[in-house]
């Protein structure tokens, strides 16, 4: 992954520094072990989590920089 200072939130139009990794997959498209990652700032974490969770895509949320 890039230097944490270079990572920005994945929310549309947001340019804030990312603090969280939202790891997800779409079970209809991805194998169980495949993980896609959205990045979130503190302000958008809950919104992005809700979007993924409503679709049963969210697998885990970890701080930026976590393995």
PDB file of N, CA and C in Angstrom:
ATOM      1  N   UNK A   1       0.841  -1.179   0.000  1.00  0.00           N
ATOM      2  CA  UNK A   1       0.000   0.000   0.000  1.00  0.00           C
ATOM      3  C   UNK A   1       0.888   1.245   0.000  1.00  0.00           C
ATOM      4  N   UNK A   2       0.356   2.352  -0.442  1.00  0.00           N
ATOM      5  CA  UNK A   2       1.101   3.615  -0.482  1.00  0.00           C
ATOM      6  C   UNK A   2       1.396   4.124   0.915  1.00  0.00           C
ATOM      7  N   UNK A   3       2.197   5.195   0.973  1.00  0.00           N
ATOM      8  CA  UNK A   3       2.421   5.890   2.236  1.00  0.00           C
ATOM      9  C   UNK A   3       1.062   6.375   2.734  1.00  0.00           C
ATOM     10  N   UNK A   4       0.762   6.154   4.008  1.00  0.00           N
ATOM     11  CA  UNK A   4      -0.550   6.489   4.568  1.00  0.00           C
ATOM     12  C   UNK A   4      -0.921   7.953   4.354  1.00  0.00           C
ATOM     13  N   UNK A   5       0.042   8.855   4.306  1.00  0.00           N
ATOM     14  CA  UNK A   5      -0.239  10.273   4.110  1.00  0.00           C
ATOM     15  C   UNK A   5      -0.760  10.557   2.697  1.00  0.00           C
ATOM     16  N   UNK A   6      -0.522   9.651   1.746  1.00  0.00           N
ATOM     17  CA  UNK A   6      -0.961   9.830   0.362  1.00  0.00           C
ATOM     18  C   UNK A   6      -2.344   9.258   0.092  1.00  0.00           C
ATOM     19  N   UNK A   7      -2.917   8.548   1.047  1.00  0.00           N
ATOM     20  CA  UNK A   7      -4.182   7.867   0.829  1.00  0.00           C
ATOM     21  C   UNK A   7      -5.353   8.771   1.183  1.00  0.00           C
ATOM     22  N   UNK A   8      -6.319   8.854   0.271  1.00  0.00           N
ATOM     23  CA  UNK A   8      -7.483   9.713   0.487  1.00  0.00           C
ATOM     24  C   UNK A   8      -8.760   8.887   0.531  1.00  0.00           C
ATOM     25  N   UNK A   9      -9.737   9.432   1.150  1.00  0.00           N
ATOM     26  CA  UNK A   9     -11.046   8.805   1.319  1.00  0.00           C
ATOM     27  C   UNK A   9     -11.667   8.469  -0.042  1.00  0.00           C
ATOM     28  N   UNK A  10     -12.358   7.338  -0.102  1.00  0.00           N
ATOM     29  CA  UNK A  10     -13.019   6.880  -1.334  1.00  0.00           C
ATOM     30  C   UNK A  10     -14.396   7.503  -1.557  1.00  0.00           C
ATOM     31  N   UNK A  11     -14.911   8.237  -0.573  1.00  0.00           N
ATOM     32  CA  UNK A  11     -16.226   8.868  -0.741  1.00  0.00           C
ATOM     33  C   UNK A  11     -16.157   9.892  -1.871  1.00  0.00           C
ATOM     34  N   UNK A  12     -17.208   9.924  -2.671  1.00  0.00           N
ATOM     35  CA  UNK A  12     -17.258  10.817  -3.820  1.00  0.00           C
ATOM     36  C   UNK A  12     -16.996  12.267  -3.419  1.00  0.00           C
ATOM     37  N   UNK A  13     -15.998  12.868  -4.040  1.00  0.00           N
ATOM     38  CA  UNK A  13     -15.673  14.274  -3.813  1.00  0.00           C
ATOM     39  C   UNK A  13     -14.831  14.556  -2.585  1.00  0.00           C
ATOM     40  N   UNK A  14     -14.576  13.571  -1.763  1.00  0.00           N
ATOM     41  CA  UNK A  14     -13.804  13.795  -0.542  1.00  0.00           C
ATOM     42  C   UNK A  14     -12.313  13.698  -0.844  1.00  0.00           C
ATOM     43  N   UNK A  15     -11.539  14.605  -0.300  1.00  0.00           N
ATOM     44  CA  UNK A  15     -10.084  14.603  -0.483  1.00  0.00           C
ATOM     45  C   UNK A  15      -9.359  14.511   0.863  1.00  0.00           C
ATOM     46  N   UNK A  16     -10.104  14.134   1.909  1.00  0.00           N
ATOM     47  CA  UNK A  16      -9.508  14.008   3.237  1.00  0.00           C
ATOM     48  C   UNK A  16      -8.614  12.773   3.312  1.00  0.00           C
ATOM     49  N   UNK A  17      -7.659  12.821   4.221  1.00  0.00           N
ATOM     50  CA  UNK A  17      -6.768  11.686   4.427  1.00  0.00           C
ATOM     51  C   UNK A  17      -7.548  10.501   4.973  1.00  0.00           C
ATOM     52  N   UNK A  18      -7.279   9.318   4.419  1.00  0.00           N
ATOM     53  CA  UNK A  18      -7.955   8.100   4.861  1.00  0.00           C
ATOM     54  C   UNK A  18      -7.408   7.642   6.204  1.00  0.00           C
ATOM     55  N   UNK A  19      -8.303   7.175   7.055  1.00  0.00           N
ATOM     56  CA  UNK A  19      -7.934   6.628   8.359  1.00  0.00           C
ATOM     57  C   UNK A  19      -8.308   5.158   8.478  1.00  0.00           C
ATOM     58  N   UNK A  20      -9.221   4.698   7.625  1.00  0.00           N
ATOM     59  CA  UNK A  20      -9.768   3.346   7.733  1.00  0.00           C
ATOM     60  C   UNK A  20      -9.754   2.638   6.387  1.00  0.00           C
ATOM     61  N   UNK A  21      -9.572   1.320   6.440  1.00  0.00           N
ATOM     62  CA  UNK A  21      -9.714   0.456   5.276  1.00  0.00           C
ATOM     63  C   UNK A  21     -10.993  -0.350   5.456  1.00  0.00           C
ATOM     64  N   UNK A  22     -11.897  -0.261   4.517  1.00  0.00           N
ATOM     65  CA  UNK A  22     -13.107  -1.072   4.523  1.00  0.00           C
ATOM     66  C   UNK A  22     -12.877  -2.174   3.502  1.00  0.00           C
ATOM     67  N   UNK A  23     -12.684  -3.377   3.990  1.00  0.00           N
ATOM     68  CA  UNK A  23     -12.372  -4.507   3.126  1.00  0.00           C
ATOM     69  C   UNK A  23     -13.659  -5.259   2.828  1.00  0.00           C
ATOM     70  N   UNK A  24     -13.899  -5.494   1.556  1.00  0.00           N
ATOM     71  CA  UNK A  24     -15.159  -6.061   1.129  1.00  0.00           C
ATOM     72  C   UNK A  24     -14.979  -6.968  -0.072  1.00  0.00           C
ATOM     73  N   UNK A  25     -16.033  -7.735  -0.365  1.00  0.00           N
ATOM     74  CA  UNK A  25     -16.117  -8.437  -1.631  1.00  0.00           C
ATOM     75  C   UNK A  25     -17.577  -8.685  -1.971  1.00  0.00           C
ATOM     76  N   UNK A  26     -17.819  -8.876  -3.239  1.00  0.00           N
ATOM     77  CA  UNK A  26     -19.145  -9.224  -3.728  1.00  0.00           C
ATOM     78  C   UNK A  26     -19.117 -10.717  -3.993  1.00  0.00           C
ATOM     79  N   UNK A  27     -19.802 -11.508  -3.181  1.00  0.00           N
ATOM     80  CA  UNK A  27     -19.718 -12.960  -3.317  1.00  0.00           C
ATOM     81  C   UNK A  27     -20.230 -13.488  -4.658  1.00  0.00           C
ATOM     82  N   UNK A  28     -21.011 -12.700  -5.377  1.00  0.00           N
ATOM     83  CA  UNK A  28     -21.465 -13.131  -6.701  1.00  0.00           C
ATOM     84  C   UNK A  28     -20.372 -12.969  -7.751  1.00  0.00           C
ATOM     85  N   UNK A  29     -19.379 -12.116  -7.452  1.00  0.00           N
ATOM     86  CA  UNK A  29     -18.308 -11.843  -8.421  1.00  0.00           C
ATOM     87  C   UNK A  29     -16.928 -12.306  -7.979  1.00  0.00           C
ATOM     88  N   UNK A  30     -16.683 -12.326  -6.674  1.00  0.00           N
ATOM     89  CA  UNK A  30     -15.345 -12.580  -6.146  1.00  0.00           C
ATOM     90  C   UNK A  30     -15.295 -13.881  -5.353  1.00  0.00           C
ATOM     91  N   UNK A  31     -14.128 -14.507  -5.348  1.00  0.00           N
ATOM     92  CA  UNK A  31     -13.940 -15.674  -4.502  1.00  0.00           C
ATOM     93  C   UNK A  31     -13.963 -15.227  -3.045  1.00  0.00           C
ATOM     94  N   UNK A  32     -14.213 -16.159  -2.137  1.00  0.00           N
ATOM     95  CA  UNK A  32     -14.344 -15.846  -0.711  1.00  0.00           C
ATOM     96  C   UNK A  32     -13.117 -15.134  -0.150  1.00  0.00           C
ATOM     97  N   UNK A  33     -11.931 -15.484  -0.622  1.00  0.00           N
ATOM     98  CA  UNK A  33     -10.703 -14.892  -0.075  1.00  0.00           C
ATOM     99  C   UNK A  33     -10.317 -13.568  -0.729  1.00  0.00           C
ATOM    100  N   UNK A  34     -10.977 -13.162  -1.790  1.00  0.00           N
ATOM    101  CA  UNK A  34     -10.676 -11.902  -2.477  1.00  0.00           C
ATOM    102  C   UNK A  34     -11.183 -10.740  -1.652  1.00  0.00           C
ATOM    103  N   UNK A  35     -10.365  -9.690  -1.524  1.00  0.00           N
ATOM    104  CA  UNK A  35     -10.782  -8.483  -0.813  1.00  0.00           C
ATOM    105  C   UNK A  35     -10.520  -7.258  -1.670  1.00  0.00           C
ATOM    106  N   UNK A  36     -11.527  -6.442  -1.807  1.00  0.00           N
ATOM    107  CA  UNK A  36     -11.406  -5.119  -2.400  1.00  0.00           C
ATOM    108  C   UNK A  36     -11.310  -4.162  -1.209  1.00  0.00           C
ATOM    109  N   UNK A  37     -10.749  -2.989  -1.427  1.00  0.00           N
ATOM    110  CA  UNK A  37     -10.585  -2.039  -0.325  1.00  0.00           C
ATOM    111  C   UNK A  37     -11.081  -0.662  -0.716  1.00  0.00           C
ATOM    112  N   UNK A  38     -11.948  -0.127   0.120  1.00  0.00           N
ATOM    113  CA  UNK A  38     -12.305   1.277   0.055  1.00  0.00           C
ATOM    114  C   UNK A  38     -11.625   1.934   1.240  1.00  0.00           C
ATOM    115  N   UNK A  39     -11.229   3.178   1.051  1.00  0.00           N
ATOM    116  CA  UNK A  39     -10.617   3.947   2.129  1.00  0.00           C
ATOM    117  C   UNK A  39     -11.629   4.961   2.647  1.00  0.00           C
ATOM    118  N   UNK A  40     -11.561   5.252   3.943  1.00  0.00           N
ATOM    119  CA  UNK A  40     -12.521   6.180   4.537  1.00  0.00           C
ATOM    120  C   UNK A  40     -11.848   7.117   5.522  1.00  0.00           C
ATOM    121  N   UNK A  41     -12.269   8.375   5.485  1.00  0.00           N
ATOM    122  CA  UNK A  41     -11.889   9.330   6.525  1.00  0.00           C
ATOM    123  C   UNK A  41     -12.862   9.122   7.686  1.00  0.00           C
ATOM    124  N   UNK A  42     -12.616   9.783   8.788  1.00  0.00           N
ATOM    125  CA  UNK A  42     -13.484   9.636   9.965  1.00  0.00           C
ATOM    126  C   UNK A  42     -14.925  10.057   9.654  1.00  0.00           C
ATOM    127  N   UNK A  43     -15.100  11.096   8.845  1.00  0.00           N
ATOM    128  CA  UNK A  43     -16.440  11.605   8.542  1.00  0.00           C
ATOM    129  C   UNK A  43     -17.260  10.677   7.651  1.00  0.00           C
ATOM    130  N   UNK A  44     -16.620   9.906   6.786  1.00  0.00           N
ATOM    131  CA  UNK A  44     -17.349   9.071   5.830  1.00  0.00           C
ATOM    132  C   UNK A  44     -17.342   7.576   6.157  1.00  0.00           C
ATOM    133  N   UNK A  45     -16.662   7.190   7.215  1.00  0.00           N
ATOM    134  CA  UNK A  45     -16.578   5.768   7.544  1.00  0.00           C
ATOM    135  C   UNK A  45     -17.963   5.138   7.705  1.00  0.00           C
ATOM    136  N   UNK A  46     -18.815   5.728   8.506  1.00  0.00           N
ATOM    137  CA  UNK A  46     -20.136   5.146   8.777  1.00  0.00           C
ATOM    138  C   UNK A  46     -20.970   5.041   7.507  1.00  0.00           C
ATOM    139  N   UNK A  47     -20.933   6.053   6.673  1.00  0.00           N
ATOM    140  CA  UNK A  47     -21.713   6.035   5.429  1.00  0.00           C
ATOM    141  C   UNK A  47     -21.242   4.919   4.496  1.00  0.00           C
ATOM    142  N   UNK A  48     -19.932   4.811   4.301  1.00  0.00           N
ATOM    143  CA  UNK A  48     -19.403   3.769   3.413  1.00  0.00           C
ATOM    144  C   UNK A  48     -19.644   2.373   3.996  1.00  0.00           C
ATOM    145  N   UNK A  49     -19.487   2.234   5.309  1.00  0.00           N
ATOM    146  CA  UNK A  49     -19.777   0.950   5.969  1.00  0.00           C
ATOM    147  C   UNK A  49     -21.235   0.560   5.748  1.00  0.00           C
ATOM    148  N   UNK A  50     -22.146   1.486   5.933  1.00  0.00           N
ATOM    149  CA  UNK A  50     -23.581   1.204   5.763  1.00  0.00           C
ATOM    150  C   UNK A  50     -23.899   0.762   4.341  1.00  0.00           C
ATOM    151  N   UNK A  51     -23.292   1.426   3.367  1.00  0.00           N
ATOM    152  CA  UNK A  51     -23.507   1.077   1.967  1.00  0.00           C
ATOM    153  C   UNK A  51     -23.086  -0.363   1.700  1.00  0.00           C
ATOM    154  N   UNK A  52     -21.889  -0.718   2.139  1.00  0.00           N
ATOM    155  CA  UNK A  52     -21.384  -2.076   1.915  1.00  0.00           C
ATOM    156  C   UNK A  52     -22.143  -3.109   2.745  1.00  0.00           C
ATOM    157  N   UNK A  53     -22.442  -2.778   3.981  1.00  0.00           N
ATOM    158  CA  UNK A  53     -23.126  -3.722   4.870  1.00  0.00           C
ATOM    159  C   UNK A  53     -24.547  -4.017   4.390  1.00  0.00           C
ATOM    160  N   UNK A  54     -25.222  -3.027   3.849  1.00  0.00           N
ATOM    161  CA  UNK A  54     -26.591  -3.221   3.350  1.00  0.00           C
ATOM    162  C   UNK A  54     -26.623  -4.234   2.208  1.00  0.00           C
ATOM    163  N   UNK A  55     -25.524  -4.389   1.512  1.00  0.00           N
ATOM    164  CA  UNK A  55     -25.417  -5.332   0.403  1.00  0.00           C
ATOM    165  C   UNK A  55     -24.731  -6.636   0.807  1.00  0.00           C
ATOM    166  N   UNK A  56     -24.409  -6.748   2.095  1.00  0.00           N
ATOM    167  CA  UNK A  56     -23.684  -7.913   2.638  1.00  0.00           C
ATOM    168  C   UNK A  56     -22.312  -8.093   1.988  1.00  0.00           C
ATOM    169  N   UNK A  57     -21.660  -6.966   1.653  1.00  0.00           N
ATOM    170  CA  UNK A  57     -20.329  -7.004   1.044  1.00  0.00           C
ATOM    171  C   UNK A  57     -19.221  -6.774   2.064  1.00  0.00           C
ATOM    172  N   UNK A  58     -19.513  -6.071   3.155  1.00  0.00           N
ATOM    173  CA  UNK A  58     -18.487  -5.690   4.121  1.00  0.00           C
ATOM    174  C   UNK A  58     -17.940  -6.909   4.842  1.00  0.00           C
ATOM    175  N   UNK A  59     -16.611  -7.033   4.873  1.00  0.00           N
ATOM    176  CA  UNK A  59     -15.964  -8.162   5.543  1.00  0.00           C
ATOM    177  C   UNK A  59     -15.221  -7.728   6.802  1.00  0.00           C
ATOM    178  N   UNK A  60     -14.530  -6.586   6.749  1.00  0.00           N
ATOM    179  CA  UNK A  60     -13.828  -6.095   7.939  1.00  0.00           C
ATOM    180  C   UNK A  60     -13.455  -4.628   7.742  1.00  0.00           C
ATOM    181  N   UNK A  61     -13.245  -3.959   8.881  1.00  0.00           N
ATOM    182  CA  UNK A  61     -12.787  -2.565   8.892  1.00  0.00           C
ATOM    183  C   UNK A  61     -11.562  -2.518   9.782  1.00  0.00           C
ATOM    184  N   UNK A  62     -10.472  -2.002   9.225  1.00  0.00           N
ATOM    185  CA  UNK A  62      -9.209  -1.922   9.956  1.00  0.00           C
ATOM    186  C   UNK A  62      -8.574  -0.551   9.723  1.00  0.00           C
ATOM    187  N   UNK A  63      -7.733  -0.107  10.644  1.00  0.00           N
ATOM    188  CA  UNK A  63      -7.052   1.173  10.442  1.00  0.00           C
ATOM    189  C   UNK A  63      -6.127   1.116   9.225  1.00  0.00           C
ATOM    190  N   UNK A  64      -5.942   2.252   8.589  1.00  0.00           N
ATOM    191  CA  UNK A  64      -4.969   2.353   7.494  1.00  0.00           C
ATOM    192  C   UNK A  64      -3.609   1.937   8.038  1.00  0.00           C
ATOM    193  N   UNK A  65      -2.888   1.176   7.283  1.00  0.00           N
ATOM    194  CA  UNK A  65      -1.574   0.703   7.709  1.00  0.00           C
ATOM    195  C   UNK A  65      -1.590  -0.676   8.339  1.00  0.00           C
ATOM    196  N   UNK A  66      -2.794  -1.173   8.669  1.00  0.00           N
ATOM    197  CA  UNK A  66      -2.887  -2.521   9.240  1.00  0.00           C
ATOM    198  C   UNK A  66      -2.642  -3.539   8.127  1.00  0.00           C
ATOM    199  N   UNK A  67      -2.043  -4.647   8.462  1.00  0.00           N
ATOM    200  CA  UNK A  67      -1.786  -5.669   7.422  1.00  0.00           C
ATOM    201  C   UNK A  67      -3.069  -6.298   6.907  1.00  0.00           C
TER     202      UNK A  67
END
